[in-house]
Amino acid sequence: MSQFFRLHPDNPQPRLIKQAVQIIKDGGIVALPTDSSYALACQLDDKDAAERLRRIRGLDDKQLLSLLVRDLSELSNFAMVDNRQYRLIRSVTPGPYVFVLQATKEVPRRLSHPARKTIGLRVPDHAITLAILEELGEPLLGSTLIMPGETRPLNDPEEIRARLEKQIELVIDGGACPCEPSTVIDLTGNEPVLVRPGRGSLEPFGLEQPA
């Protein structure tokens, strides 16, 4: 049975943030709000939690989970970027984007794409998620909360609790989020490539919204 915390979306209660981080450290999966939609997240190095998260989402090992980081100071630990890529990422973060980047050797093999050695990286713009990342002191492993066979992310904390209370350890109610997934941009080539349209604008990347 999952726990249910109500946190202020702009000034989250420190006591509940600490409790949420302890649940994550103990191997829990948490549903949390972001600047695009609700997401599922777990501790980066917890293999069992990551596998459970994949099962809930219906993802195989070829589909990327994202690293949620508090700021770009952690970028070089996990991804190889040149100056052009860094400037582009910095111009739109924090924000509703996942960037597909070449993974460094620091990234566990099971977390990167098995063929391409890439990793998804996200700097969310939401006070609750950033507070959890700050308290945890390391990235989270996460995925947009879209259930198998569905196309839109879950956005109602009460619905998330009703549907997932036996599968995850914590639901954080931070109010409604924009009911759109993050925009996924592949920056591993010479030009940005749109992988999934979402809430983030494509203008900074010179891309057009698909018809």
Protein backbone atom coordinates (compact mmCIF):
# COMPACT_ATOMS: atom_id res chain seq x y z
CA MET A 1 0.00 0.00 0.00
CA SER A 2 1.52 3.29 -1.09
CA GLN A 3 1.84 6.32 1.14
CA PHE A 4 0.30 9.63 0.04
CA PHE A 5 1.94 12.99 0.78
CA ARG A 6 0.39 16.38 0.02
CA LEU A 7 3.16 18.91 -0.62
CA HIS A 8 2.98 22.60 -1.40
CA PRO A 9 3.90 22.94 -5.10
CA ASP A 10 6.09 26.02 -4.57
CA ASN A 11 7.32 25.61 -0.98
CA PRO A 12 7.36 21.89 -0.22
CA GLN A 13 7.52 20.94 3.45
CA PRO A 14 11.11 19.89 4.34
CA ARG A 15 9.92 17.16 6.72
CA LEU A 16 7.94 15.44 3.96
CA ILE A 17 10.79 15.88 1.47
CA LYS A 18 13.11 14.04 3.89
CA GLN A 19 10.55 11.27 4.33
CA ALA A 20 10.14 10.95 0.55
CA VAL A 21 13.90 10.67 0.08
CA GLN A 22 14.11 7.97 2.73
CA ILE A 23 11.41 5.98 0.94
CA ILE A 24 13.44 6.26 -2.27
CA LYS A 25 16.64 5.20 -0.49
CA ASP A 26 14.78 2.19 0.92
CA GLY A 27 14.03 0.97 -2.60
CA GLY A 28 10.71 2.69 -3.19
CA ILE A 29 9.18 4.00 -6.40
CA VAL A 30 7.58 7.43 -6.15
CA ALA A 31 5.05 9.22 -8.36
CA LEU A 32 6.00 12.90 -8.36
CA PRO A 33 5.00 16.09 -10.17
CA THR A 34 7.18 17.74 -12.79
CA ASP A 35 6.83 20.76 -15.07
CA SER A 36 5.34 18.57 -17.81
CA SER A 37 3.35 15.81 -16.10
CA TYR A 38 3.59 13.34 -13.26
CA ALA A 39 6.50 10.91 -13.45
CA LEU A 40 7.65 7.71 -11.78
CA ALA A 41 11.10 7.79 -10.21
CA CYS A 42 13.44 5.62 -8.16
CA GLN A 43 17.03 5.60 -6.95
CA LEU A 44 19.62 5.55 -9.72
CA ASP A 45 21.54 2.49 -8.58
CA ASP A 46 18.57 0.41 -7.43
CA LYS A 47 18.30 -2.33 -10.05
CA ASP A 48 15.20 -3.96 -8.55
CA ALA A 49 13.30 -0.66 -8.34
CA ALA A 50 14.28 0.20 -11.92
CA GLU A 51 13.01 -3.15 -13.17
CA ARG A 52 9.73 -2.67 -11.31
CA LEU A 53 9.39 0.80 -12.79
CA ARG A 54 9.88 -0.62 -16.28
CA ARG A 55 7.22 -3.26 -15.66
CA ILE A 56 4.70 -0.65 -14.48
CA ARG A 57 5.36 1.43 -17.59
CA GLY A 58 5.51 -1.56 -19.95
CA LEU A 59 9.03 -0.67 -21.14
CA ASP A 60 11.66 -3.09 -22.38
CA ASP A 61 15.41 -2.68 -21.85
CA LYS A 62 15.83 -0.90 -25.21
CA GLN A 63 13.64 2.02 -24.11
CA LEU A 64 15.45 4.73 -22.21
CA LEU A 65 14.68 5.80 -18.70
CA SER A 66 15.77 9.36 -17.95
CA LEU A 67 18.16 10.73 -15.38
CA LEU A 68 16.51 13.55 -13.45
CA VAL A 69 19.23 15.96 -12.29
CA ARG A 70 18.99 19.13 -10.21
CA ASP A 71 21.20 21.24 -12.49
CA LEU A 72 23.77 21.00 -15.28
CA SER A 73 26.69 20.66 -12.85
CA GLU A 74 25.99 16.91 -12.93
CA LEU A 75 25.84 16.70 -16.71
CA SER A 76 29.49 15.80 -17.35
CA ASN A 77 29.29 12.84 -14.96
CA PHE A 78 26.79 11.06 -17.14
CA ALA A 79 26.91 12.48 -20.67
CA MET A 80 29.50 13.60 -23.21
CA VAL A 81 28.59 16.99 -24.64
CA ASP A 82 30.48 19.54 -26.71
CA ASN A 83 30.22 23.30 -26.25
CA ARG A 84 27.43 23.64 -28.81
CA GLN A 85 25.32 20.99 -27.13
CA TYR A 86 25.96 22.45 -23.69
CA ARG A 87 24.91 25.97 -24.72
CA LEU A 88 21.73 24.62 -26.29
CA ILE A 89 20.80 22.56 -23.22
CA ARG A 90 21.62 25.44 -20.86
CA SER A 91 19.37 27.81 -22.82
CA VAL A 92 16.24 25.73 -22.11
CA THR A 93 16.88 24.20 -18.70
CA PRO A 94 15.39 23.72 -16.26
CA GLY A 95 12.42 22.85 -18.41
CA PRO A 96 10.17 20.15 -19.90
CA TYR A 97 12.82 18.45 -22.03
CA VAL A 98 14.62 15.12 -22.08
CA PHE A 99 17.90 15.18 -24.00
CA VAL A 100 19.28 12.02 -25.54
CA LEU A 101 23.08 12.21 -25.20
CA GLN A 102 26.12 9.96 -25.49
CA ALA A 103 26.60 8.24 -22.14
CA THR A 104 29.90 8.34 -20.28
CA LYS A 105 31.48 5.26 -18.77
CA GLU A 106 30.11 6.38 -15.39
CA VAL A 107 26.62 5.35 -16.48
CA PRO A 108 25.83 1.73 -15.59
CA ARG A 109 25.44 -0.31 -18.76
CA ARG A 110 21.93 -1.36 -17.81
CA LEU A 111 20.82 2.29 -17.79
CA SER A 112 22.08 3.25 -21.24
CA HIS A 113 20.73 2.15 -24.61
CA PRO A 114 22.33 -1.28 -25.28
CA ALA A 115 23.22 -0.54 -28.90
CA ARG A 116 23.82 3.20 -29.03
CA LYS A 117 25.27 3.85 -25.53
CA THR A 118 23.00 6.83 -25.02
CA ILE A 119 21.27 8.23 -21.97
CA GLY A 120 18.27 10.49 -21.48
CA LEU A 121 18.84 13.51 -19.23
CA ARG A 122 16.29 15.91 -17.76
CA VAL A 123 16.48 18.99 -15.52
CA PRO A 124 12.89 19.45 -14.31
CA ASP A 125 11.51 22.85 -13.37
CA HIS A 126 9.37 21.90 -10.36
CA ALA A 127 10.07 22.85 -6.76
CA ILE A 128 9.05 19.48 -5.29
CA THR A 129 11.19 17.38 -7.61
CA LEU A 130 14.15 19.74 -7.28
CA ALA A 131 13.87 19.63 -3.48
CA ILE A 132 13.92 15.83 -3.55
CA LEU A 133 16.96 15.84 -5.83
CA GLU A 134 18.73 18.32 -3.55
CA GLU A 135 18.01 16.27 -0.43
CA LEU A 136 18.93 12.99 -2.15
CA GLY A 137 22.21 14.42 -3.46
CA GLU A 138 22.19 12.37 -6.65
CA PRO A 139 20.05 11.96 -9.78
CA LEU A 140 16.81 10.01 -9.88
CA LEU A 141 15.92 7.48 -12.53
CA GLY A 142 12.57 8.43 -14.00
CA SER A 143 9.93 8.05 -16.68
CA THR A 144 6.81 9.97 -17.67
CA LEU A 145 3.80 8.34 -16.01
CA ILE A 146 2.05 6.98 -19.10
CA MET A 147 0.47 3.59 -18.51
CA PRO A 148 0.79 0.75 -21.05
CA GLY A 149 -1.66 1.12 -23.92
CA GLU A 150 -2.40 4.76 -23.10
CA THR A 151 -1.14 7.90 -24.81
CA ARG A 152 -1.60 10.62 -22.18
CA PRO A 153 0.19 10.82 -18.84
CA LEU A 154 -1.68 10.48 -15.57
CA ASN A 155 -2.20 13.88 -13.97
CA ASP A 156 -4.53 13.33 -10.98
CA PRO A 157 -2.72 12.22 -7.79
CA GLU A 158 -5.89 10.53 -6.49
CA GLU A 159 -6.21 8.52 -9.71
CA ILE A 160 -2.52 7.63 -9.55
CA ARG A 161 -3.00 6.34 -6.00
CA ALA A 162 -6.10 4.35 -6.97
CA ARG A 163 -4.38 2.70 -9.92
CA LEU A 164 -0.88 2.18 -8.53
CA GLU A 165 -1.21 1.96 -4.76
CA LYS A 166 -0.17 -1.70 -4.73
CA GLN A 167 2.74 -1.19 -7.13
CA ILE A 168 4.57 1.89 -5.85
CA GLU A 169 5.55 3.10 -2.39
CA LEU A 170 4.67 6.81 -2.53
CA VAL A 171 2.38 9.21 -4.37
CA ILE A 172 3.23 12.90 -3.96
CA ASP A 173 0.29 15.21 -4.45
CA GLY A 174 1.70 18.51 -5.66
CA GLY A 175 -1.46 19.60 -7.42
CA ALA A 176 -2.26 19.27 -11.08
CA CYS A 177 0.56 19.37 -13.62
CA PRO A 178 0.35 20.20 -17.31
CA CYS A 179 -1.04 17.02 -18.82
CA GLU A 180 1.65 16.70 -21.47
CA PRO A 181 4.77 14.56 -21.61
CA SER A 182 8.22 16.10 -21.83
CA THR A 183 9.67 16.85 -25.25
CA VAL A 184 12.44 14.40 -26.14
CA ILE A 185 15.30 15.74 -28.29
CA ASP A 186 18.18 13.61 -29.60
CA LEU A 187 21.41 15.63 -29.59
CA THR A 188 23.79 12.81 -30.49
CA GLY A 189 24.05 13.79 -34.17
CA ASN A 190 25.07 16.93 -36.01
CA GLU A 191 21.56 18.38 -35.75
CA PRO A 192 18.84 18.04 -33.10
CA VAL A 193 16.26 15.36 -33.87
CA LEU A 194 12.75 15.30 -32.40
CA VAL A 195 12.05 11.92 -30.77
CA ARG A 196 8.78 12.80 -29.01
CA PRO A 197 6.84 16.07 -29.14
CA GLY A 198 5.61 17.36 -25.80
CA ARG A 199 5.27 20.47 -23.73
CA GLY A 200 8.63 22.05 -24.57
CA SER A 201 8.90 24.44 -27.52
CA LEU A 202 10.83 23.21 -30.54
CA GLU A 203 11.89 26.71 -31.63
CA PRO A 204 15.25 26.71 -29.78
CA PHE A 205 16.28 23.64 -31.76
CA GLY A 206 15.24 24.90 -35.18
CA LEU A 207 12.60 22.17 -35.39
CA GLU A 208 8.98 22.36 -36.48
CA GLN A 209 6.03 20.90 -34.63
CA PRO A 210 4.91 17.73 -36.44
CA ALA A 211 1.59 17.96 -38.26
